[in-house]
Amino acid sequence: SFKYVEHPNNKGLSAARNTGLDLANGEFVTFVDSDDYLEENTLHSCLTEIDKVDVVEYPIQRIYSTHTSEWRPAKDTVTFKDWMRNNGFMHCYAVNKVYRMRLWEDIRFPVGQNFEDIRTIPHVLQKANSIKSVQHGNYYYIDRKGSISNSMDVHNLEEYTTALVELLSLPINTRNHRLYIRALNAERTYQQ
């Protein structure tokens, strides 16, 4: 079932998602941003895959004004550690996944901070026993001119870098992650 909830004032994406999480009472949850959409039957096909896993991740297509780009996860069932090793964090979206609701019991999106997906989703996936990536379904992300991800001023770049350092500082010890952390820390030092 679906619930329609309206905030009298725009409190931002994190607050809207947190309200949805607070009101949700089903076994599964997913997110769709207001200007995006799903390919027909995406959720139905994901729900047929989630019987023995905690998260199902599916393809995402970014639609820009001049072109599109698509990311398809490798078809596999993995742990969080494998997801990080396979660079899943490079596509750390909240929106192209169906989650078991219990993963969100003590996790919410940070209100008032940009790049909330990078700051939240790894902690949710870390609680999952397994993450299944599928090739069917599609999330259509409409890339808007002027959005935070397209407005990389100094403040946004600093928030993005901080979010990535937090993500890559999670207890996963692989060569790739150590190199990323060193590079990001060097970038932060250079910015100061």
Protein backbone atom coordinates (compact mmCIF):
# COMPACT_ATOMS: atom_id res chain seq x y z
CA SER A 1 0.00 0.00 0.00
CA PHE A 2 1.05 3.61 -0.52
CA LYS A 3 0.74 6.62 1.75
CA TYR A 4 0.74 10.21 0.55
CA VAL A 5 2.50 12.55 2.98
CA GLU A 6 2.94 16.26 2.42
CA HIS A 7 5.28 18.50 4.40
CA PRO A 8 3.87 22.04 4.78
CA ASN A 9 7.38 23.41 4.21
CA ASN A 10 10.13 21.92 2.08
CA LYS A 11 12.56 20.45 4.61
CA GLY A 12 14.75 18.79 2.02
CA LEU A 13 15.28 15.31 0.64
CA SER A 14 16.64 13.74 3.83
CA ALA A 15 13.70 14.95 5.94
CA ALA A 16 11.21 13.67 3.35
CA ARG A 17 12.87 10.25 3.22
CA ASN A 18 13.08 10.07 7.01
CA THR A 19 9.37 10.85 7.31
CA GLY A 20 8.65 8.02 4.87
CA LEU A 21 10.83 5.64 6.88
CA ASP A 22 9.13 6.68 10.13
CA LEU A 23 5.67 6.01 8.66
CA ALA A 24 6.53 2.82 6.75
CA ASN A 25 5.08 -0.39 8.16
CA GLY A 26 5.78 -2.95 5.46
CA GLU A 27 8.53 -5.51 5.08
CA PHE A 28 10.34 -3.68 2.25
CA VAL A 29 11.16 -0.07 1.37
CA THR A 30 12.52 1.76 -1.67
CA PHE A 31 12.99 5.40 -2.65
CA VAL A 32 11.93 7.32 -5.76
CA ASP A 33 12.79 11.01 -5.96
CA SER A 34 10.06 13.39 -7.09
CA ASP A 35 11.36 14.09 -10.60
CA ASP A 36 12.54 10.54 -11.37
CA TYR A 37 10.67 7.40 -12.43
CA LEU A 38 10.96 3.62 -12.68
CA GLU A 39 10.69 1.32 -15.67
CA GLU A 40 7.42 -0.58 -15.61
CA ASN A 41 7.48 -3.73 -13.41
CA THR A 42 10.84 -2.82 -11.80
CA LEU A 43 9.61 -3.23 -8.24
CA HIS A 44 7.65 -6.38 -9.04
CA SER A 45 10.70 -8.05 -10.55
CA CYS A 46 12.90 -6.96 -7.62
CA LEU A 47 10.44 -8.37 -5.09
CA THR A 48 10.63 -11.75 -6.84
CA GLU A 49 14.41 -11.69 -6.22
CA ILE A 50 14.49 -10.62 -2.56
CA ASP A 51 13.32 -13.86 -0.93
CA LYS A 52 16.79 -14.92 0.36
CA VAL A 53 18.61 -11.57 0.45
CA ASP A 54 18.25 -8.27 2.30
CA VAL A 55 18.78 -5.84 -0.61
CA VAL A 56 18.18 -6.00 -4.36
CA GLU A 57 20.11 -3.48 -6.46
CA TYR A 58 19.09 -2.78 -10.07
CA PRO A 59 20.30 -0.62 -13.01
CA ILE A 60 20.12 3.16 -13.02
CA GLN A 61 20.07 5.44 -16.03
CA ARG A 62 21.00 9.11 -15.67
CA ILE A 63 19.21 11.34 -18.14
CA TYR A 64 21.06 14.56 -18.92
CA SER A 65 19.90 17.35 -21.24
CA THR A 66 22.26 16.18 -24.02
CA HIS A 67 22.84 12.46 -23.36
CA THR A 68 22.21 9.51 -21.07
CA SER A 69 24.53 7.23 -19.12
CA GLU A 70 23.67 3.85 -17.69
CA TRP A 71 25.13 1.83 -14.84
CA ARG A 72 24.32 -1.83 -14.50
CA PRO A 73 25.50 -3.69 -11.42
CA ALA A 74 27.30 -6.96 -11.99
CA LYS A 75 24.77 -9.77 -11.68
CA ASP A 76 25.80 -11.32 -8.40
CA THR A 77 24.90 -11.86 -4.75
CA VAL A 78 27.53 -10.42 -2.44
CA THR A 79 28.26 -9.27 1.09
CA PHE A 80 28.83 -5.60 1.94
CA LYS A 81 32.59 -6.17 1.95
CA ASP A 82 32.41 -7.60 -1.59
CA TRP A 83 30.17 -4.71 -2.68
CA MET A 84 32.84 -2.27 -1.48
CA ARG A 85 35.67 -4.28 -3.08
CA ASN A 86 33.76 -4.33 -6.37
CA ASN A 87 33.52 -0.51 -6.21
CA GLY A 88 29.77 -0.51 -5.59
CA PHE A 89 30.37 2.63 -3.55
CA MET A 90 31.09 4.46 -6.83
CA HIS A 91 27.33 4.23 -7.46
CA CYS A 92 26.15 4.72 -3.90
CA TYR A 93 22.54 5.62 -4.62
CA ALA A 94 19.61 5.15 -2.23
CA VAL A 95 17.16 5.00 -5.12
CA ASN A 96 18.03 1.93 -7.19
CA LYS A 97 17.55 -0.60 -4.42
CA VAL A 98 14.80 -2.44 -2.57
CA TYR A 99 15.66 -2.95 1.11
CA ARG A 100 14.29 -5.03 3.95
CA MET A 101 12.78 -2.49 6.31
CA ARG A 102 14.59 -3.91 9.36
CA LEU A 103 17.89 -2.59 7.95
CA TRP A 104 16.62 0.95 8.61
CA GLU A 105 15.63 0.42 12.26
CA ASP A 106 18.34 2.71 13.67
CA ILE A 107 19.48 4.55 10.54
CA ARG A 108 18.16 7.80 9.04
CA PHE A 109 19.43 10.24 6.42
CA PRO A 110 21.34 13.26 7.81
CA VAL A 111 19.16 16.37 7.61
CA GLY A 112 20.89 19.52 6.43
CA GLN A 113 23.82 17.77 4.77
CA ASN A 114 24.39 17.24 1.07
CA PHE A 115 25.37 13.88 -0.44
CA GLU A 116 23.14 12.07 2.05
CA ASP A 117 23.21 8.82 0.04
CA ILE A 118 26.97 8.46 0.43
CA ARG A 119 26.64 9.19 4.16
CA THR A 120 23.81 6.70 4.75
CA ILE A 121 23.57 3.80 2.29
CA PRO A 122 26.87 2.09 3.23
CA HIS A 123 25.69 1.86 6.85
CA VAL A 124 22.44 0.24 5.71
CA LEU A 125 24.22 -2.19 3.38
CA GLN A 126 26.71 -3.04 6.12
CA LYS A 127 23.81 -4.50 8.12
CA ALA A 128 22.65 -6.67 5.19
CA ASN A 129 23.52 -10.36 5.12
CA SER A 130 23.60 -10.21 1.33
CA ILE A 131 23.04 -7.80 -1.56
CA LYS A 132 21.74 -9.16 -4.85
CA SER A 133 22.41 -7.24 -8.04
CA VAL A 134 20.10 -7.84 -10.99
CA GLN A 135 20.09 -6.77 -14.63
CA HIS A 136 16.35 -6.16 -15.02
CA GLY A 137 14.35 -3.09 -14.10
CA ASN A 138 15.59 0.46 -14.36
CA TYR A 139 15.62 3.64 -12.32
CA TYR A 140 15.53 6.79 -14.47
CA TYR A 141 17.38 9.60 -12.71
CA ILE A 142 16.60 12.99 -14.25
CA ASP A 143 19.74 15.13 -13.98
CA ARG A 144 18.55 18.69 -13.37
CA LYS A 145 20.62 21.74 -14.16
CA GLY A 146 21.35 23.54 -10.90
CA SER A 147 21.04 20.43 -8.70
CA ILE A 148 23.55 19.92 -5.89
CA SER A 149 25.46 17.27 -7.85
CA ASN A 150 25.75 19.73 -10.76
CA SER A 151 26.71 22.72 -8.60
CA MET A 152 30.17 21.90 -7.36
CA ASP A 153 31.11 25.09 -5.60
CA VAL A 154 33.74 24.99 -2.86
CA HIS A 155 31.21 24.14 -0.13
CA ASN A 156 29.63 21.26 -2.11
CA LEU A 157 33.05 19.92 -3.12
CA GLU A 158 34.13 19.95 0.52
CA GLU A 159 30.94 18.15 1.62
CA TYR A 160 31.35 15.59 -1.17
CA THR A 161 34.97 14.93 -0.28
CA THR A 162 34.10 14.61 3.42
CA ALA A 163 31.29 12.15 2.62
CA LEU A 164 33.64 10.04 0.49
CA VAL A 165 36.32 10.00 3.19
CA GLU A 166 33.69 8.88 5.73
CA LEU A 167 32.55 6.14 3.35
CA LEU A 168 36.01 4.91 2.53
CA SER A 169 37.02 4.95 6.19
CA LEU A 170 34.59 2.14 6.96
CA PRO A 171 36.35 -0.99 8.21
CA ILE A 172 37.14 -2.49 4.81
CA ASN A 173 40.84 -3.04 4.28
CA THR A 174 41.63 -3.39 0.61
CA ARG A 175 44.35 -1.80 -1.49
CA ASN A 176 41.84 0.16 -3.63
CA HIS A 177 40.24 1.76 -0.61
CA ARG A 178 43.56 2.72 0.98
CA LEU A 179 44.55 4.43 -2.30
CA TYR A 180 41.21 6.28 -2.51
CA ILE A 181 41.50 7.48 1.09
CA ARG A 182 45.04 8.74 0.51
CA ALA A 183 43.95 10.57 -2.67
CA LEU A 184 40.91 12.14 -0.99
CA ASN A 185 42.88 13.21 2.05
CA ALA A 186 45.50 14.76 -0.24
CA GLU A 187 42.70 16.63 -2.08
CA ARG A 188 41.25 17.91 1.22
CA THR A 189 44.69 19.11 2.33
CA TYR A 190 45.20 20.85 -1.02
CA GLN A 191 41.80 22.63 -0.71
CA GLN A 192 42.71 24.04 2.71
